């Protein structure tokens, strides 16, 4: 079962929808149980093959086998610190890109640990952490019949976490998983997300990342 920590935002709902369409059972988490249930109901309204349920983040962390972190970066550290114990031994896929938007322009936010993914690993010392999906547009994910023509760069030091994240990416229509090496490389993917957003603003488009030659 897949759990989404902070899954009521656009990225969490979008990835939750795509995973449910692929037949995965999904738990949408939130600090507010009512918001979680509302988001789960909206996803279930589509023709999904997997079950979708809403619950508190703490319950999702306990019940799910694989967790995707889709909280805003401002709540990243506190959320993961609070969930450290229930996440012990589990695969945690960090989707967070630390960004700030000023006057419509996105910029990467510096993280003391080097990246959001490295921050997650520092907090979740006994979890298996991977970084993935940062560059995938939530707007595109939320349109269920839209194929997403993009690569997903997956970074992890833990082999099981990397394999799990890459297999999950491969279940979503249009996505291809690319091995991005160790977790240290996640910072480049997180920063690149800001560039994609600014390209989208300039061209009024939905740009994505596609790596050729492999």
N, C-alpha and C. Protein backbone atom coordinates (compact mmCIF):
# COMPACT_ATOMS: atom_id res chain seq x y z
N UNK A 1 0.84 -1.20 0.00
CA UNK A 1 0.00 0.00 0.00
C UNK A 1 0.88 1.25 0.00
N UNK A 2 0.49 2.23 -0.81
CA UNK A 2 1.23 3.49 -0.91
C UNK A 2 0.60 4.54 0.00
N UNK A 3 1.42 5.23 0.75
CA UNK A 3 0.94 6.31 1.58
C UNK A 3 1.54 7.63 1.16
N UNK A 4 0.73 8.69 1.16
CA UNK A 4 1.19 10.03 0.78
C UNK A 4 1.15 10.93 2.00
N UNK A 5 2.33 11.31 2.49
CA UNK A 5 2.43 12.22 3.62
C UNK A 5 2.24 13.63 3.11
N UNK A 6 1.19 14.31 3.59
CA UNK A 6 0.85 15.61 3.04
C UNK A 6 0.28 15.47 1.64
N UNK A 7 -0.61 14.51 1.47
CA UNK A 7 -1.08 14.16 0.14
C UNK A 7 -2.26 14.96 -0.38
N UNK A 8 -2.69 16.00 0.34
CA UNK A 8 -3.86 16.75 -0.12
C UNK A 8 -3.50 17.90 -1.07
N UNK A 9 -2.22 18.20 -1.20
CA UNK A 9 -1.79 19.23 -2.15
C UNK A 9 -1.83 18.70 -3.57
N UNK A 10 -1.60 19.57 -4.56
CA UNK A 10 -1.69 19.15 -5.97
C UNK A 10 -0.77 17.99 -6.32
N UNK A 11 0.48 18.01 -5.86
CA UNK A 11 1.41 16.94 -6.23
C UNK A 11 1.00 15.61 -5.61
N UNK A 12 0.59 15.65 -4.34
CA UNK A 12 0.15 14.42 -3.68
C UNK A 12 -1.11 13.85 -4.31
N UNK A 13 -2.08 14.73 -4.59
CA UNK A 13 -3.31 14.26 -5.23
C UNK A 13 -3.04 13.74 -6.63
N UNK A 14 -2.16 14.43 -7.36
CA UNK A 14 -1.87 14.01 -8.72
C UNK A 14 -1.16 12.66 -8.78
N UNK A 15 -0.14 12.50 -7.96
CA UNK A 15 0.55 11.21 -7.93
C UNK A 15 -0.34 10.12 -7.36
N UNK A 16 -1.15 10.47 -6.36
CA UNK A 16 -2.08 9.50 -5.80
C UNK A 16 -3.08 9.02 -6.84
N UNK A 17 -3.58 9.95 -7.64
CA UNK A 17 -4.50 9.60 -8.72
C UNK A 17 -3.84 8.66 -9.72
N UNK A 18 -2.63 9.01 -10.17
CA UNK A 18 -1.97 8.18 -11.18
C UNK A 18 -1.64 6.79 -10.64
N UNK A 19 -1.26 6.72 -9.38
CA UNK A 19 -0.96 5.41 -8.79
C UNK A 19 -2.24 4.58 -8.64
N UNK A 20 -3.35 5.21 -8.26
CA UNK A 20 -4.61 4.49 -8.14
C UNK A 20 -5.11 4.03 -9.50
N UNK A 21 -4.91 4.86 -10.54
CA UNK A 21 -5.27 4.45 -11.89
C UNK A 21 -4.47 3.22 -12.32
N UNK A 22 -3.23 3.12 -11.81
CA UNK A 22 -2.37 1.98 -12.15
C UNK A 22 -2.68 0.74 -11.32
N UNK A 23 -3.67 0.86 -10.40
CA UNK A 23 -4.08 -0.30 -9.62
C UNK A 23 -3.51 -0.37 -8.23
N UNK A 24 -2.76 0.67 -7.80
CA UNK A 24 -2.20 0.69 -6.46
C UNK A 24 -3.25 1.13 -5.44
N UNK A 25 -3.21 0.53 -4.25
CA UNK A 25 -4.04 0.98 -3.14
C UNK A 25 -3.33 2.17 -2.48
N UNK A 26 -4.08 3.25 -2.28
CA UNK A 26 -3.48 4.53 -1.90
C UNK A 26 -4.10 5.05 -0.61
N UNK A 27 -3.24 5.55 0.27
CA UNK A 27 -3.66 6.27 1.47
C UNK A 27 -3.21 7.72 1.34
N UNK A 28 -4.16 8.64 1.38
CA UNK A 28 -3.85 10.07 1.31
C UNK A 28 -3.79 10.62 2.73
N UNK A 29 -2.66 11.19 3.11
CA UNK A 29 -2.48 11.69 4.46
C UNK A 29 -2.55 13.20 4.57
N UNK A 30 -2.92 13.66 5.76
CA UNK A 30 -2.98 15.08 6.04
C UNK A 30 -2.95 15.27 7.56
N UNK A 31 -2.68 16.49 8.00
CA UNK A 31 -2.82 16.81 9.43
C UNK A 31 -4.29 16.94 9.80
N UNK A 32 -5.16 17.06 8.78
CA UNK A 32 -6.60 17.22 8.97
C UNK A 32 -7.29 16.02 8.31
N UNK A 33 -7.89 15.18 9.12
CA UNK A 33 -8.50 13.95 8.60
C UNK A 33 -9.61 14.25 7.60
N UNK A 34 -10.38 15.31 7.83
CA UNK A 34 -11.47 15.65 6.92
C UNK A 34 -10.93 16.03 5.55
N UNK A 35 -9.84 16.80 5.52
CA UNK A 35 -9.22 17.18 4.24
C UNK A 35 -8.70 15.94 3.52
N UNK A 36 -8.14 15.02 4.27
CA UNK A 36 -7.61 13.79 3.67
C UNK A 36 -8.74 12.98 3.03
N UNK A 37 -9.85 12.86 3.74
CA UNK A 37 -10.99 12.11 3.20
C UNK A 37 -11.56 12.80 1.97
N UNK A 38 -11.60 14.12 1.99
CA UNK A 38 -12.11 14.88 0.83
C UNK A 38 -11.23 14.65 -0.39
N UNK A 39 -9.90 14.69 -0.20
CA UNK A 39 -8.98 14.46 -1.32
C UNK A 39 -9.11 13.04 -1.85
N UNK A 40 -9.25 12.07 -0.93
CA UNK A 40 -9.40 10.67 -1.35
C UNK A 40 -10.68 10.48 -2.14
N UNK A 41 -11.75 11.14 -1.71
CA UNK A 41 -13.02 11.03 -2.42
C UNK A 41 -12.92 11.61 -3.83
N UNK A 42 -12.21 12.73 -3.97
CA UNK A 42 -12.05 13.36 -5.29
C UNK A 42 -11.27 12.44 -6.24
N UNK A 43 -10.26 11.76 -5.71
CA UNK A 43 -9.49 10.82 -6.54
C UNK A 43 -10.36 9.63 -6.92
N UNK A 44 -11.12 9.12 -5.96
CA UNK A 44 -11.96 7.94 -6.19
C UNK A 44 -13.06 8.20 -7.21
N UNK A 45 -13.39 9.47 -7.43
CA UNK A 45 -14.44 9.82 -8.39
C UNK A 45 -14.03 9.47 -9.82
N UNK A 46 -12.72 9.30 -10.04
CA UNK A 46 -12.24 8.87 -11.36
C UNK A 46 -12.31 7.34 -11.44
N UNK A 47 -12.10 6.82 -12.62
CA UNK A 47 -12.21 5.38 -12.83
C UNK A 47 -10.91 4.69 -12.43
N UNK A 48 -10.64 4.71 -11.11
CA UNK A 48 -9.39 4.15 -10.61
C UNK A 48 -9.56 2.65 -10.32
N UNK A 49 -8.46 1.92 -10.41
CA UNK A 49 -8.49 0.47 -10.15
C UNK A 49 -8.07 0.13 -8.73
N UNK A 50 -7.38 1.03 -8.07
CA UNK A 50 -6.97 0.80 -6.69
C UNK A 50 -7.88 1.52 -5.72
N UNK A 51 -7.86 1.11 -4.47
CA UNK A 51 -8.65 1.78 -3.44
C UNK A 51 -7.95 3.07 -3.01
N UNK A 52 -8.73 4.06 -2.59
CA UNK A 52 -8.18 5.33 -2.14
C UNK A 52 -8.86 5.72 -0.84
N UNK A 53 -8.07 5.95 0.21
CA UNK A 53 -8.59 6.27 1.53
C UNK A 53 -7.84 7.46 2.09
N UNK A 54 -8.52 8.28 2.87
CA UNK A 54 -7.89 9.43 3.52
C UNK A 54 -7.72 9.18 5.01
N UNK A 55 -6.62 9.66 5.57
CA UNK A 55 -6.36 9.47 7.00
C UNK A 55 -5.34 10.50 7.47
N UNK A 56 -5.14 10.56 8.76
CA UNK A 56 -4.11 11.43 9.32
C UNK A 56 -2.72 10.96 8.88
N UNK A 57 -1.79 11.89 8.77
CA UNK A 57 -0.42 11.53 8.39
C UNK A 57 0.16 10.44 9.29
N UNK A 58 -0.12 10.53 10.58
CA UNK A 58 0.43 9.55 11.51
C UNK A 58 -0.10 8.15 11.20
N UNK A 59 -1.37 8.04 10.87
CA UNK A 59 -1.95 6.73 10.54
C UNK A 59 -1.40 6.21 9.21
N UNK A 60 -1.24 7.11 8.26
CA UNK A 60 -0.69 6.72 6.96
C UNK A 60 0.73 6.18 7.13
N UNK A 61 1.53 6.85 7.96
CA UNK A 61 2.90 6.42 8.19
C UNK A 61 2.95 5.03 8.82
N UNK A 62 2.00 4.73 9.66
CA UNK A 62 1.94 3.42 10.31
C UNK A 62 1.46 2.32 9.37
N UNK A 63 0.46 2.64 8.53
CA UNK A 63 -0.23 1.61 7.75
C UNK A 63 0.41 1.31 6.40
N UNK A 64 0.98 2.31 5.76
CA UNK A 64 1.49 2.13 4.40
C UNK A 64 2.84 1.42 4.40
N UNK A 65 3.09 0.69 3.32
CA UNK A 65 4.37 0.00 3.16
C UNK A 65 5.42 0.90 2.53
N UNK A 66 4.97 1.75 1.60
CA UNK A 66 5.85 2.69 0.89
C UNK A 66 5.25 4.08 1.06
N UNK A 67 6.07 5.04 1.45
CA UNK A 67 5.58 6.39 1.70
C UNK A 67 6.17 7.39 0.72
N UNK A 68 5.33 8.27 0.20
CA UNK A 68 5.79 9.38 -0.63
C UNK A 68 5.56 10.67 0.14
N UNK A 69 6.60 11.48 0.25
CA UNK A 69 6.52 12.73 0.99
C UNK A 69 6.22 13.86 0.01
N UNK A 70 5.03 14.45 0.15
CA UNK A 70 4.60 15.49 -0.78
C UNK A 70 4.15 16.75 -0.04
N UNK A 71 4.74 17.00 1.12
CA UNK A 71 4.43 18.19 1.90
C UNK A 71 5.12 19.41 1.28
N UNK A 72 4.62 20.63 1.56
CA UNK A 72 5.40 21.82 1.18
C UNK A 72 6.74 21.81 1.92
N UNK A 73 7.76 22.38 1.30
CA UNK A 73 9.07 22.33 1.95
C UNK A 73 9.06 23.00 3.32
N UNK A 74 8.24 24.01 3.50
CA UNK A 74 8.20 24.71 4.80
C UNK A 74 7.82 23.77 5.95
N UNK A 75 7.11 22.70 5.65
CA UNK A 75 6.73 21.77 6.70
C UNK A 75 7.51 20.47 6.66
N UNK A 76 8.51 20.38 5.80
CA UNK A 76 9.24 19.14 5.55
C UNK A 76 9.93 18.61 6.80
N UNK A 77 10.76 19.43 7.42
CA UNK A 77 11.54 18.98 8.57
C UNK A 77 10.64 18.57 9.74
N UNK A 78 9.69 19.43 10.08
CA UNK A 78 8.84 19.15 11.24
C UNK A 78 7.98 17.91 11.02
N UNK A 79 7.46 17.76 9.81
CA UNK A 79 6.61 16.60 9.52
C UNK A 79 7.38 15.30 9.64
N UNK A 80 8.56 15.25 9.05
CA UNK A 80 9.34 14.02 9.09
C UNK A 80 9.88 13.72 10.49
N UNK A 81 10.22 14.76 11.21
CA UNK A 81 10.69 14.55 12.59
C UNK A 81 9.60 13.91 13.43
N UNK A 82 8.37 14.37 13.24
CA UNK A 82 7.24 13.83 14.01
C UNK A 82 6.93 12.38 13.64
N UNK A 83 7.30 11.98 12.41
CA UNK A 83 6.95 10.64 11.92
C UNK A 83 8.15 9.69 11.90
N UNK A 84 9.22 10.08 12.53
CA UNK A 84 10.45 9.27 12.48
C UNK A 84 10.22 7.83 12.91
N UNK A 85 9.54 7.62 14.03
CA UNK A 85 9.38 6.27 14.56
C UNK A 85 8.52 5.37 13.68
N UNK A 86 7.32 5.81 13.25
CA UNK A 86 6.52 4.91 12.40
C UNK A 86 7.12 4.65 11.03
N UNK A 87 8.10 5.44 10.63
CA UNK A 87 8.73 5.25 9.32
C UNK A 87 10.00 4.40 9.37
N UNK A 88 10.35 3.91 10.54
CA UNK A 88 11.55 3.08 10.67
C UNK A 88 11.44 1.84 9.77
N UNK A 89 12.47 1.59 8.98
CA UNK A 89 12.54 0.41 8.13
C UNK A 89 11.76 0.51 6.83
N UNK A 90 11.03 1.59 6.62
CA UNK A 90 10.18 1.69 5.43
C UNK A 90 10.88 2.46 4.31
N UNK A 91 10.43 2.21 3.08
CA UNK A 91 10.90 2.99 1.94
C UNK A 91 10.16 4.32 1.91
N UNK A 92 10.91 5.40 1.89
CA UNK A 92 10.35 6.75 1.87
C UNK A 92 10.86 7.45 0.61
N UNK A 93 9.94 7.83 -0.26
CA UNK A 93 10.29 8.52 -1.51
C UNK A 93 9.98 10.00 -1.34
N UNK A 94 11.03 10.82 -1.34
CA UNK A 94 10.85 12.26 -1.12
C UNK A 94 10.62 12.94 -2.47
N UNK A 95 9.49 13.62 -2.58
CA UNK A 95 9.10 14.28 -3.83
C UNK A 95 9.33 15.79 -3.74
N UNK A 96 9.79 16.26 -2.60
CA UNK A 96 9.83 17.69 -2.30
C UNK A 96 10.98 18.39 -3.02
N UNK A 97 10.68 19.52 -3.66
CA UNK A 97 11.70 20.41 -4.22
C UNK A 97 11.61 21.73 -3.45
N UNK A 98 12.66 22.12 -2.74
CA UNK A 98 12.62 23.36 -1.95
C UNK A 98 12.65 24.58 -2.86
N UNK A 99 11.51 25.21 -3.01
CA UNK A 99 11.38 26.33 -3.93
C UNK A 99 10.70 27.51 -3.25
N UNK A 100 10.99 28.70 -3.76
CA UNK A 100 10.25 29.90 -3.40
C UNK A 100 9.85 30.58 -4.70
N UNK A 101 8.68 31.19 -4.69
CA UNK A 101 8.19 31.90 -5.88
C UNK A 101 8.01 33.37 -5.53
N UNK A 102 8.71 34.23 -6.26
CA UNK A 102 8.63 35.67 -6.03
C UNK A 102 8.32 36.37 -7.35
N UNK A 103 7.20 37.09 -7.38
CA UNK A 103 6.76 37.79 -8.59
C UNK A 103 6.67 36.85 -9.79
N UNK A 104 6.20 35.64 -9.52
CA UNK A 104 5.99 34.66 -10.58
C UNK A 104 7.22 33.87 -10.97
N UNK A 105 8.37 34.20 -10.38
CA UNK A 105 9.61 33.51 -10.72
C UNK A 105 10.00 32.53 -9.61
N UNK A 106 10.33 31.32 -10.01
CA UNK A 106 10.72 30.30 -9.05
C UNK A 106 12.23 30.32 -8.84
N UNK A 107 12.64 30.07 -7.61
CA UNK A 107 14.06 29.92 -7.32
C UNK A 107 14.24 28.80 -6.30
N UNK A 108 15.38 28.14 -6.39
CA UNK A 108 15.69 27.07 -5.45
C UNK A 108 16.07 27.66 -4.10
N UNK A 109 15.62 27.02 -3.04
CA UNK A 109 15.94 27.42 -1.67
C UNK A 109 17.09 26.57 -1.17
N UNK A 110 18.08 27.21 -0.57
CA UNK A 110 19.22 26.47 -0.04
C UNK A 110 18.81 25.66 1.19
N UNK A 111 19.28 24.43 1.26
CA UNK A 111 18.99 23.53 2.38
C UNK A 111 20.30 23.20 3.07
N UNK A 112 20.34 23.32 4.39
CA UNK A 112 21.58 23.11 5.14
C UNK A 112 22.20 21.75 4.84
N UNK A 113 21.37 20.73 4.72
CA UNK A 113 21.87 19.37 4.48
C UNK A 113 22.29 19.14 3.03
N UNK A 114 21.95 20.08 2.15
CA UNK A 114 22.30 19.96 0.74
C UNK A 114 21.11 19.79 -0.17
N UNK A 115 20.06 19.16 0.30
CA UNK A 115 18.84 18.97 -0.47
C UNK A 115 17.74 18.50 0.48
N UNK A 116 16.51 18.56 0.00
CA UNK A 116 15.40 18.05 0.81
C UNK A 116 15.56 16.55 1.05
N UNK A 117 16.03 15.83 0.04
CA UNK A 117 16.20 14.39 0.19
C UNK A 117 17.27 14.05 1.23
N UNK A 118 18.38 14.79 1.22
CA UNK A 118 19.41 14.57 2.22
C UNK A 118 18.93 14.96 3.62
N UNK A 119 18.10 15.98 3.68
CA UNK A 119 17.49 16.34 4.96
C UNK A 119 16.60 15.21 5.46
N UNK A 120 15.83 14.62 4.55
CA UNK A 120 14.97 13.50 4.93
C UNK A 120 15.80 12.34 5.47
N UNK A 121 16.91 12.01 4.79
CA UNK A 121 17.74 10.90 5.25
C UNK A 121 18.39 11.20 6.59
N UNK A 122 18.75 12.46 6.81
CA UNK A 122 19.34 12.83 8.10
C UNK A 122 18.35 12.69 9.23
N UNK A 123 17.09 12.99 8.95
CA UNK A 123 16.05 12.87 9.98
C UNK A 123 15.62 11.42 10.14
N UNK A 124 15.40 10.75 9.02
CA UNK A 124 14.90 9.37 9.03
C UNK A 124 16.08 8.41 8.92
N UNK A 125 16.90 8.37 9.96
CA UNK A 125 18.14 7.60 9.91
C UNK A 125 17.92 6.11 9.69
N UNK A 126 16.76 5.61 10.12
CA UNK A 126 16.49 4.18 10.01
C UNK A 126 15.46 3.85 8.93
N UNK A 127 15.26 4.78 8.00
CA UNK A 127 14.37 4.55 6.86
C UNK A 127 15.21 4.45 5.59
N UNK A 128 14.60 3.91 4.54
CA UNK A 128 15.27 3.78 3.24
C UNK A 128 14.75 4.90 2.34
N UNK A 129 15.57 5.89 2.09
CA UNK A 129 15.12 7.12 1.43
C UNK A 129 15.56 7.17 -0.03
N UNK A 130 14.62 7.53 -0.90
CA UNK A 130 14.91 7.82 -2.31
C UNK A 130 14.31 9.18 -2.64
N UNK A 131 14.79 9.79 -3.70
CA UNK A 131 14.24 11.05 -4.20
C UNK A 131 13.75 10.83 -5.63
N UNK A 132 12.53 11.29 -5.92
CA UNK A 132 11.96 11.08 -7.26
C UNK A 132 10.75 11.98 -7.46
N UNK A 133 10.35 12.17 -8.71
CA UNK A 133 9.11 12.83 -9.13
C UNK A 133 9.11 14.35 -8.94
N UNK A 134 10.23 14.96 -8.56
CA UNK A 134 10.20 16.41 -8.29
C UNK A 134 9.85 17.24 -9.53
N UNK A 135 10.25 16.78 -10.70
CA UNK A 135 10.08 17.58 -11.92
C UNK A 135 8.77 17.30 -12.66
N UNK A 136 7.92 16.44 -12.09
CA UNK A 136 6.67 16.09 -12.75
C UNK A 136 5.57 17.09 -12.38
N UNK A 137 4.93 17.66 -13.37
CA UNK A 137 3.93 18.70 -13.15
C UNK A 137 2.68 18.14 -12.47
N UNK A 138 2.31 18.75 -11.35
CA UNK A 138 1.09 18.35 -10.66
C UNK A 138 -0.13 18.61 -11.54
N UNK A 139 -0.09 19.70 -12.28
CA UNK A 139 -1.21 20.04 -13.17
C UNK A 139 -1.46 18.94 -14.19
N UNK A 140 -0.39 18.39 -14.74
CA UNK A 140 -0.53 17.31 -15.71
C UNK A 140 -1.00 16.02 -15.04
N UNK A 141 -0.45 15.74 -13.87
CA UNK A 141 -0.83 14.52 -13.15
C UNK A 141 -2.33 14.48 -12.85
N UNK A 142 -2.92 15.64 -12.60
CA UNK A 142 -4.32 15.71 -12.19
C UNK A 142 -5.30 15.54 -13.35
N UNK A 143 -4.79 15.47 -14.58
CA UNK A 143 -5.65 15.21 -15.74
C UNK A 143 -5.50 13.74 -16.08
N UNK A 144 -6.44 12.90 -15.69
CA UNK A 144 -6.22 11.45 -15.72
C UNK A 144 -5.98 10.84 -17.09
N UNK A 145 -6.49 11.46 -18.14
CA UNK A 145 -6.32 10.88 -19.47
C UNK A 145 -5.14 11.50 -20.23
N UNK A 146 -4.32 12.28 -19.53
CA UNK A 146 -3.17 12.91 -20.18
C UNK A 146 -1.92 12.07 -19.96
N UNK A 147 -1.29 11.63 -21.04
CA UNK A 147 -0.03 10.91 -20.92
C UNK A 147 1.08 11.91 -20.59
N UNK A 148 1.92 11.55 -19.66
CA UNK A 148 2.97 12.46 -19.23
C UNK A 148 4.29 12.02 -19.87
N UNK A 149 4.74 12.79 -20.84
CA UNK A 149 5.93 12.45 -21.59
C UNK A 149 7.15 12.99 -20.85
N UNK A 150 7.68 12.18 -19.93
CA UNK A 150 8.77 12.68 -19.10
C UNK A 150 9.58 11.54 -18.51
N UNK A 151 10.82 11.87 -18.16
CA UNK A 151 11.64 10.96 -17.37
C UNK A 151 11.52 11.34 -15.90
N UNK A 152 11.73 10.35 -15.05
CA UNK A 152 11.79 10.56 -13.61
C UNK A 152 13.18 10.15 -13.15
N UNK A 153 13.96 11.10 -12.70
CA UNK A 153 15.30 10.79 -12.20
C UNK A 153 15.18 10.35 -10.74
N UNK A 154 15.67 9.16 -10.46
CA UNK A 154 15.57 8.58 -9.12
C UNK A 154 16.97 8.52 -8.50
N UNK A 155 17.11 9.12 -7.34
CA UNK A 155 18.39 9.13 -6.62
C UNK A 155 18.21 8.45 -5.27
N UNK A 156 19.16 7.59 -4.93
CA UNK A 156 19.11 6.91 -3.63
C UNK A 156 20.44 6.23 -3.37
N UNK A 157 20.78 6.13 -2.09
CA UNK A 157 21.93 5.34 -1.68
C UNK A 157 21.53 3.90 -1.38
N UNK A 158 20.25 3.72 -1.04
CA UNK A 158 19.73 2.40 -0.69
C UNK A 158 19.18 1.72 -1.94
N UNK A 159 19.69 0.54 -2.25
CA UNK A 159 19.30 -0.15 -3.48
C UNK A 159 17.82 -0.50 -3.52
N UNK A 160 17.26 -0.93 -2.39
CA UNK A 160 15.84 -1.29 -2.37
C UNK A 160 14.96 -0.07 -2.59
N UNK A 161 15.33 1.06 -1.96
CA UNK A 161 14.55 2.28 -2.14
C UNK A 161 14.58 2.74 -3.59
N UNK A 162 15.76 2.66 -4.21
CA UNK A 162 15.88 3.08 -5.62
C UNK A 162 15.04 2.17 -6.51
N UNK A 163 15.13 0.87 -6.30
CA UNK A 163 14.37 -0.08 -7.11
C UNK A 163 12.87 0.15 -6.95
N UNK A 164 12.42 0.39 -5.73
CA UNK A 164 11.00 0.62 -5.47
C UNK A 164 10.51 1.87 -6.18
N UNK A 165 11.26 2.96 -6.08
CA UNK A 165 10.86 4.22 -6.71
C UNK A 165 10.85 4.10 -8.23
N UNK A 166 11.83 3.40 -8.80
CA UNK A 166 11.88 3.26 -10.25
C UNK A 166 10.74 2.39 -10.76
N UNK A 167 10.42 1.34 -10.04
CA UNK A 167 9.29 0.49 -10.43
C UNK A 167 7.97 1.26 -10.35
N UNK A 168 7.83 2.08 -9.33
CA UNK A 168 6.60 2.87 -9.19
C UNK A 168 6.46 3.87 -10.33
N UNK A 169 7.55 4.53 -10.69
CA UNK A 169 7.51 5.49 -11.80
C UNK A 169 7.09 4.79 -13.09
N UNK A 170 7.57 3.58 -13.28
CA UNK A 170 7.26 2.84 -14.50
C UNK A 170 5.81 2.43 -14.63
N UNK A 171 5.06 2.49 -13.54
CA UNK A 171 3.64 2.14 -13.59
C UNK A 171 2.76 3.29 -14.05
N UNK A 172 3.31 4.48 -14.09
CA UNK A 172 2.52 5.66 -14.47
C UNK A 172 2.70 5.92 -15.97
N UNK A 173 1.58 6.04 -16.67
CA UNK A 173 1.57 6.18 -18.12
C UNK A 173 2.45 7.34 -18.58
N UNK A 174 3.42 7.05 -19.45
CA UNK A 174 4.26 8.07 -20.06
C UNK A 174 5.56 8.32 -19.34
N UNK A 175 5.71 7.82 -18.13
CA UNK A 175 6.93 8.08 -17.37
C UNK A 175 7.97 6.99 -17.60
N UNK A 176 9.23 7.40 -17.59
CA UNK A 176 10.35 6.47 -17.65
C UNK A 176 11.29 6.79 -16.49
N UNK A 177 11.68 5.78 -15.74
CA UNK A 177 12.60 5.97 -14.63
C UNK A 177 14.03 5.95 -15.11
N UNK A 178 14.83 6.88 -14.61
CA UNK A 178 16.25 6.97 -14.93
C UNK A 178 17.03 6.94 -13.62
N UNK A 179 18.01 6.07 -13.54
CA UNK A 179 18.85 5.97 -12.35
C UNK A 179 19.76 7.19 -12.27
N UNK A 180 19.53 8.01 -11.25
CA UNK A 180 20.31 9.24 -11.09
C UNK A 180 21.46 9.12 -10.10
N UNK A 181 21.79 7.88 -9.71
CA UNK A 181 22.91 7.70 -8.80
C UNK A 181 22.51 7.89 -7.35
N UNK A 182 23.47 8.31 -6.53
CA UNK A 182 23.26 8.41 -5.10
C UNK A 182 22.41 9.60 -4.69
N UNK A 183 22.07 9.63 -3.41
CA UNK A 183 21.19 10.67 -2.89
C UNK A 183 21.82 12.06 -2.97
N UNK A 184 23.14 12.15 -3.01
CA UNK A 184 23.80 13.45 -3.17
C UNK A 184 23.36 14.15 -4.45
N UNK A 185 23.00 13.38 -5.47
CA UNK A 185 22.61 13.97 -6.75
C UNK A 185 21.20 14.54 -6.75
N UNK A 186 20.44 14.27 -5.71
CA UNK A 186 19.05 14.77 -5.66
C UNK A 186 19.00 16.29 -5.70
N UNK A 187 20.05 16.95 -5.20
CA UNK A 187 20.04 18.41 -5.18
C UNK A 187 19.94 19.00 -6.58
N UNK A 188 20.55 18.33 -7.56
CA UNK A 188 20.53 18.85 -8.92
C UNK A 188 19.12 18.74 -9.52
N UNK A 189 18.43 17.66 -9.20
CA UNK A 189 17.07 17.48 -9.70
C UNK A 189 16.13 18.49 -9.03
N UNK A 190 16.30 18.67 -7.73
CA UNK A 190 15.45 19.63 -7.01
C UNK A 190 15.63 21.03 -7.58
N UNK A 191 16.89 21.43 -7.80
CA UNK A 191 17.15 22.76 -8.35
C UNK A 191 16.61 22.90 -9.78
N UNK A 192 16.71 21.82 -10.56
CA UNK A 192 16.24 21.87 -11.95
C UNK A 192 14.74 22.11 -12.02
N UNK A 193 14.02 21.72 -10.98
CA UNK A 193 12.58 21.95 -10.96
C UNK A 193 12.26 23.44 -11.08
N UNK A 194 13.06 24.27 -10.43
CA UNK A 194 12.86 25.73 -10.53
C UNK A 194 13.04 26.20 -11.97
N UNK A 195 14.04 25.65 -12.65
CA UNK A 195 14.27 26.04 -14.05
C UNK A 195 13.08 25.65 -14.92
N UNK A 196 12.54 24.45 -14.74
CA UNK A 196 11.38 24.03 -15.52
C UNK A 196 10.19 24.96 -15.30
N UNK A 197 9.96 25.33 -14.06
CA UNK A 197 8.85 26.23 -13.76
C UNK A 197 9.02 27.59 -14.45
N UNK A 198 10.24 28.09 -14.48
CA UNK A 198 10.48 29.37 -15.13
C UNK A 198 10.36 29.26 -16.65
N UNK A 199 10.79 28.13 -17.21
CA UNK A 199 10.58 27.90 -18.65
C UNK A 199 9.09 27.86 -18.96
N UNK A 200 8.32 27.19 -18.11
CA UNK A 200 6.87 27.13 -18.31
C UNK A 200 6.25 28.53 -18.29
N UNK A 201 6.74 29.37 -17.39
CA UNK A 201 6.21 30.73 -17.30
C UNK A 201 6.53 31.52 -18.57
N UNK A 202 7.74 31.38 -19.06
CA UNK A 202 8.16 32.14 -20.25
C UNK A 202 7.38 31.71 -21.49
N UNK A 203 7.23 30.38 -21.66
CA UNK A 203 6.60 29.85 -22.86
C UNK A 203 5.11 29.55 -22.69
N UNK A 204 4.61 29.75 -21.46
CA UNK A 204 3.22 29.39 -21.17
C UNK A 204 2.96 27.94 -21.60
N UNK A 205 3.82 27.05 -21.11
CA UNK A 205 3.82 25.66 -21.56
C UNK A 205 3.91 24.72 -20.38
N UNK A 206 4.00 23.43 -20.67
CA UNK A 206 4.16 22.39 -19.66
C UNK A 206 5.42 21.59 -20.02
N UNK A 207 6.57 22.16 -19.77
CA UNK A 207 7.82 21.50 -20.12
C UNK A 207 8.10 20.35 -19.15
N UNK A 208 8.91 19.42 -19.62
CA UNK A 208 9.26 18.27 -18.78
C UNK A 208 10.70 17.87 -19.07
N UNK A 209 11.21 16.93 -18.29
CA UNK A 209 12.58 16.49 -18.41
C UNK A 209 12.63 15.19 -19.21
N UNK A 210 13.42 15.17 -20.29
CA UNK A 210 13.61 13.96 -21.05
C UNK A 210 15.10 13.82 -21.35
N UNK A 211 15.71 12.73 -20.92
CA UNK A 211 17.13 12.49 -21.11
C UNK A 211 17.32 11.55 -22.29
N UNK A 212 18.12 11.95 -23.25
CA UNK A 212 18.33 11.14 -24.46
C UNK A 212 19.70 10.48 -24.40
N UNK A 213 19.88 9.50 -25.25
CA UNK A 213 21.16 8.86 -25.37
C UNK A 213 21.39 7.69 -24.43
N UNK A 214 20.35 7.29 -23.69
CA UNK A 214 20.49 6.15 -22.79
C UNK A 214 19.43 5.12 -23.12
